[in-house]
């Protein structure tokens, strides 16, 4: 007697194990969500409460015409890391975070590593220049595909930002954060230090933006300039110390907020 049951076809993998589907346009939302959830899980596991973010060029190396900026970023990062250890309790506070690549990013991670602290690298796949530097804490080294998710993680945990000289990428990152601060889309205060006044005042004419009415004069108070590690450190400390004095009631900080037109600015 022959078996009348039809033969079984090859079983397809479940959707979350189907690489063909996961890499398709239909699964883009899942890929985006994974770039939020995977870092979130690591930050919670490693007890990272907040960060100090360093932006700057991948092209500034330890030796070269602008190498002083590399050394200054390294020194400032070490100073911040050693200072922040006094606030460590159930969480690590003010952990130095960079874009994870070479140049200023490497200098920032290197200084934090030398200061004995954890340090974060938010890398991104690019055709050149960008590869993880060896000073990132392995459990806090991330690779992103989407620029906007990488920027989200820069802003989400940051209590302060230091911007060293850089090109298109640094300009993009700095202006995005300045816009978030200017438009009050960050539900927190953030100290912004622009490092290297001679470079930045040549590259961006901030006064001209005020003169032509593109920004208000008060917007120039959103950031401060520094030209040496000690000055930058002194500018960063008050705002960070204010956060350190607050009760640690939230596991993760708030980021973006919405308010109706009747709600006063600065309220959530």
Protein backbone atom coordinates (compact mmCIF):
# COMPACT_ATOMS: atom_id res chain seq x y z
CA UNK A 1 0.00 0.00 0.00
CA UNK A 2 1.56 3.27 -1.06
CA UNK A 3 1.75 6.36 1.16
CA UNK A 4 -0.91 8.79 -0.04
CA UNK A 5 0.38 11.73 2.06
CA UNK A 6 2.03 14.44 -0.03
CA UNK A 7 5.75 14.91 0.55
CA UNK A 8 6.78 17.73 2.91
CA UNK A 9 8.57 20.68 1.31
CA UNK A 10 11.65 22.30 2.81
CA UNK A 11 10.69 24.23 5.94
CA UNK A 12 11.32 27.94 5.79
CA UNK A 13 13.07 29.52 8.78
CA UNK A 14 11.00 31.63 11.13
CA UNK A 15 11.00 35.27 10.12
CA UNK A 16 13.55 36.46 12.71
CA UNK A 17 16.03 33.83 11.46
CA UNK A 18 15.40 34.49 7.77
CA UNK A 19 18.40 36.50 6.59
CA UNK A 20 16.91 37.05 3.17
CA UNK A 21 13.92 38.75 4.77
CA UNK A 22 15.96 40.62 7.40
CA UNK A 23 18.14 42.16 4.69
CA UNK A 24 15.20 43.11 2.47
CA UNK A 25 13.54 46.55 2.20
CA UNK A 26 10.48 45.11 3.97
CA UNK A 27 12.51 44.57 7.15
CA UNK A 28 14.11 48.01 7.27
CA UNK A 29 12.05 48.97 10.33
CA UNK A 30 13.39 45.91 12.16
CA UNK A 31 16.98 46.82 11.29
CA UNK A 32 16.43 50.37 12.56
CA UNK A 33 14.85 49.10 15.76
CA UNK A 34 17.74 46.71 16.34
CA UNK A 35 20.16 49.67 16.25
CA UNK A 36 18.20 51.12 19.16
CA UNK A 37 17.61 47.97 21.20
CA UNK A 38 21.04 46.32 20.96
CA UNK A 39 23.01 49.33 22.28
CA UNK A 40 20.31 49.93 24.90
CA UNK A 41 20.76 46.39 26.22
CA UNK A 42 24.55 46.83 26.41
CA UNK A 43 24.36 50.23 28.13
CA UNK A 44 22.03 48.82 30.75
CA UNK A 45 24.17 45.72 31.25
CA UNK A 46 27.32 47.83 31.61
CA UNK A 47 25.48 50.34 33.84
CA UNK A 48 26.27 53.39 31.71
CA UNK A 49 24.22 56.26 33.12
CA UNK A 50 25.40 59.09 30.88
CA UNK A 51 28.23 60.20 28.61
CA UNK A 52 30.45 63.06 27.54
CA UNK A 53 30.68 62.99 23.76
CA UNK A 54 33.77 63.98 21.75
CA UNK A 55 33.37 64.91 18.09
CA UNK A 56 36.31 65.59 15.76
CA UNK A 57 38.11 64.59 12.60
CA UNK A 58 39.32 61.10 11.79
CA UNK A 59 42.18 62.75 9.87
CA UNK A 60 43.91 64.35 12.87
CA UNK A 61 46.53 61.84 13.95
CA UNK A 62 48.98 61.51 16.81
CA UNK A 63 51.74 62.83 14.57
CA UNK A 64 51.13 65.49 11.96
CA UNK A 65 50.38 69.18 11.40
CA UNK A 66 47.35 69.23 13.76
CA UNK A 67 48.60 66.63 16.23
CA UNK A 68 48.23 69.03 19.18
CA UNK A 69 44.47 68.56 18.95
CA UNK A 70 44.96 64.79 19.24
CA UNK A 71 47.05 65.25 22.38
CA UNK A 72 44.60 67.76 23.84
CA UNK A 73 41.62 65.44 23.27
CA UNK A 74 43.54 62.60 24.88
CA UNK A 75 44.47 64.75 27.89
CA UNK A 76 40.98 66.19 28.36
CA UNK A 77 39.39 62.75 28.12
CA UNK A 78 41.75 61.35 30.74
CA UNK A 79 41.07 64.30 33.06
CA UNK A 80 37.30 63.87 32.75
CA UNK A 81 37.49 60.12 33.30
CA UNK A 82 39.63 60.38 36.42
CA UNK A 83 37.40 63.15 37.79
CA UNK A 84 34.16 61.26 37.06
CA UNK A 85 35.24 58.23 39.10
CA UNK A 86 34.20 60.03 42.28
CA UNK A 87 30.56 59.89 41.13
CA UNK A 88 30.44 56.19 40.26
CA UNK A 89 27.91 54.28 42.34
CA UNK A 90 25.36 51.91 40.86
CA UNK A 91 26.09 53.44 37.45
CA UNK A 92 29.13 54.75 35.60
CA UNK A 93 28.86 58.51 35.20
CA UNK A 94 30.02 60.80 32.39
CA UNK A 95 31.63 58.03 30.34
CA UNK A 96 33.63 59.35 27.39
CA UNK A 97 31.97 58.48 24.09
CA UNK A 98 33.29 58.98 20.56
CA UNK A 99 32.47 57.95 17.02
CA UNK A 100 34.78 54.99 17.56
CA UNK A 101 37.16 55.60 14.68
CA UNK A 102 40.68 57.01 14.36
CA UNK A 103 41.90 60.57 14.86
CA UNK A 104 40.18 62.65 17.54
CA UNK A 105 37.86 59.74 18.22
CA UNK A 106 40.79 57.48 19.01
CA UNK A 107 42.36 60.18 21.18
CA UNK A 108 39.17 60.50 23.24
CA UNK A 109 38.82 56.75 23.79
CA UNK A 110 42.53 56.47 24.47
CA UNK A 111 42.51 59.13 27.17
CA UNK A 112 39.52 57.51 28.89
CA UNK A 113 41.22 54.12 28.71
CA UNK A 114 44.38 55.58 30.24
CA UNK A 115 42.24 57.17 32.94
CA UNK A 116 41.02 53.73 33.97
CA UNK A 117 37.42 54.13 32.86
CA UNK A 118 35.00 52.53 30.47
CA UNK A 119 34.69 54.25 27.10
CA UNK A 120 32.13 54.04 24.29
CA UNK A 121 32.67 53.86 20.52
CA UNK A 122 29.73 54.39 18.15
CA UNK A 123 31.22 53.32 14.84
CA UNK A 124 29.63 53.36 11.40
CA UNK A 125 30.42 51.49 8.22
CA UNK A 126 32.07 53.83 5.71
CA UNK A 127 34.11 53.18 2.55
CA UNK A 128 37.21 54.79 4.09
CA UNK A 129 38.70 56.18 7.30
CA UNK A 130 36.26 54.58 9.74
CA UNK A 131 37.32 51.51 11.66
CA UNK A 132 37.13 50.79 15.41
CA UNK A 133 40.11 52.04 17.39
CA UNK A 134 41.70 49.69 19.95
CA UNK A 135 40.89 51.78 23.04
CA UNK A 136 37.11 51.25 23.14
CA UNK A 137 35.74 49.06 25.93
CA UNK A 138 34.88 45.87 23.99
CA UNK A 139 31.36 45.60 25.46
CA UNK A 140 30.71 49.22 24.42
CA UNK A 141 31.90 49.07 20.82
CA UNK A 142 29.01 49.36 18.34
CA UNK A 143 28.72 49.31 14.57
CA UNK A 144 25.87 51.26 12.96
CA UNK A 145 24.47 51.26 9.45
CA UNK A 146 22.10 54.19 9.90
CA UNK A 147 23.60 57.60 10.59
CA UNK A 148 20.47 58.84 12.32
CA UNK A 149 20.48 55.98 14.83
CA UNK A 150 24.13 56.65 15.59
CA UNK A 151 23.30 60.32 16.16
CA UNK A 152 20.43 59.31 18.41
CA UNK A 153 22.82 57.44 20.68
CA UNK A 154 25.26 60.36 20.70
CA UNK A 155 22.51 62.66 21.97
CA UNK A 156 20.50 60.24 24.11
CA UNK A 157 23.04 59.72 26.88
CA UNK A 158 25.14 62.87 26.53
CA UNK A 159 25.33 65.40 29.33
CA UNK A 160 28.10 67.35 27.60
CA UNK A 161 29.67 67.66 24.17
CA UNK A 162 33.19 68.65 23.12
CA UNK A 163 33.70 69.46 19.43
CA UNK A 164 37.26 69.35 18.12
CA UNK A 165 38.20 70.48 14.60
CA UNK A 166 36.67 68.35 11.89
CA UNK A 167 35.11 68.23 8.45
CA UNK A 168 31.69 67.40 7.02
CA UNK A 169 30.90 64.72 9.60
CA UNK A 170 31.89 66.83 12.59
CA UNK A 171 30.00 69.85 11.21
CA UNK A 172 26.91 67.71 10.66
CA UNK A 173 27.02 66.23 14.15
CA UNK A 174 27.70 69.55 15.87
CA UNK A 175 24.94 71.41 14.02
CA UNK A 176 22.42 68.67 14.72
CA UNK A 177 23.06 68.85 18.46
CA UNK A 178 23.07 72.67 18.42
CA UNK A 179 19.71 72.60 16.63
CA UNK A 180 18.27 70.20 19.21
CA UNK A 181 19.46 72.47 22.03
CA UNK A 182 18.29 75.66 20.29
CA UNK A 183 14.81 74.23 19.64
CA UNK A 184 14.58 72.75 23.14
CA UNK A 185 14.15 69.20 21.85
CA UNK A 186 16.49 67.87 24.51
CA UNK A 187 14.73 67.30 27.81
CA UNK A 188 17.95 68.14 29.65
CA UNK A 189 20.70 70.71 29.82
CA UNK A 190 23.82 70.02 27.82
CA UNK A 191 27.17 71.80 28.08
CA UNK A 192 28.70 72.37 24.64
CA UNK A 193 32.39 73.22 24.34
CA UNK A 194 33.83 74.04 20.92
CA UNK A 195 37.55 73.32 21.03
CA UNK A 196 39.96 75.37 18.91
CA UNK A 197 38.56 78.88 18.54
CA UNK A 198 40.94 79.91 15.75
CA UNK A 199 39.90 76.95 13.61
CA UNK A 200 36.18 77.21 14.22
CA UNK A 201 35.93 80.98 13.85
CA UNK A 202 37.64 80.65 10.48
CA UNK A 203 35.42 77.78 9.35
CA UNK A 204 32.11 79.17 10.68
CA UNK A 205 31.39 82.88 10.94
CA UNK A 206 29.03 82.75 13.91
CA UNK A 207 28.84 86.53 14.15
CA UNK A 208 27.72 86.72 10.51
CA UNK A 209 24.83 84.37 11.31
CA UNK A 210 23.72 86.85 13.96
CA UNK A 211 24.33 89.86 11.70
CA UNK A 212 22.12 88.45 8.95
CA UNK A 213 19.41 87.42 11.37
CA UNK A 214 19.84 83.68 10.83
CA UNK A 215 20.31 83.08 14.55
CA UNK A 216 19.75 85.32 17.55
CA UNK A 217 22.57 86.81 19.57
CA UNK A 218 21.41 84.67 22.51
CA UNK A 219 22.13 81.53 20.47
CA UNK A 220 25.83 82.24 20.84
CA UNK A 221 25.37 81.38 24.52
CA UNK A 222 24.53 77.78 23.62
CA UNK A 223 28.25 76.97 23.43
CA UNK A 224 31.61 78.13 24.75
CA UNK A 225 35.09 78.06 23.26
CA UNK A 226 38.19 76.46 24.75
CA UNK A 227 41.77 76.31 23.52
CA UNK A 228 43.44 74.13 26.13
CA UNK A 229 42.39 71.02 28.11
CA UNK A 230 42.24 72.77 31.48
CA UNK A 231 39.90 75.50 30.22
CA UNK A 232 37.66 72.92 28.57
CA UNK A 233 37.65 70.85 31.76
CA UNK A 234 36.72 73.88 33.86
CA UNK A 235 33.85 74.69 31.48
CA UNK A 236 32.50 71.14 31.58
CA UNK A 237 32.72 70.50 35.33
CA UNK A 238 29.93 72.78 36.67
CA UNK A 239 27.19 71.31 34.49
CA UNK A 240 28.33 67.75 35.08
CA UNK A 241 28.65 68.29 38.82
CA UNK A 242 25.10 69.65 38.86
CA UNK A 243 23.87 66.40 37.33
CA UNK A 244 25.97 64.38 39.75
CA UNK A 245 24.31 66.14 42.68
CA UNK A 246 20.83 65.15 41.52
CA UNK A 247 19.16 62.03 42.86
CA UNK A 248 19.75 59.10 40.55
CA UNK A 249 16.07 58.29 40.00
CA UNK A 250 16.07 57.32 36.32
CA UNK A 251 17.79 54.35 34.76
CA UNK A 252 18.03 56.15 31.43
CA UNK A 253 17.58 59.88 30.71
CA UNK A 254 14.80 61.42 28.70
CA UNK A 255 15.70 62.50 25.20
CA UNK A 256 13.17 64.03 22.82
CA UNK A 257 10.04 65.71 24.08
CA UNK A 258 6.88 67.11 22.61
CA UNK A 259 4.72 69.89 23.96
CA UNK A 260 1.60 71.60 22.76
CA UNK A 261 1.74 75.31 21.81
CA UNK A 262 0.16 76.28 25.15
CA UNK A 263 2.77 74.45 27.22
CA UNK A 264 5.65 76.64 28.51
CA UNK A 265 9.07 75.99 27.03
CA UNK A 266 11.29 73.82 29.16
CA UNK A 267 8.50 71.59 30.45
CA UNK A 268 7.93 68.01 29.38
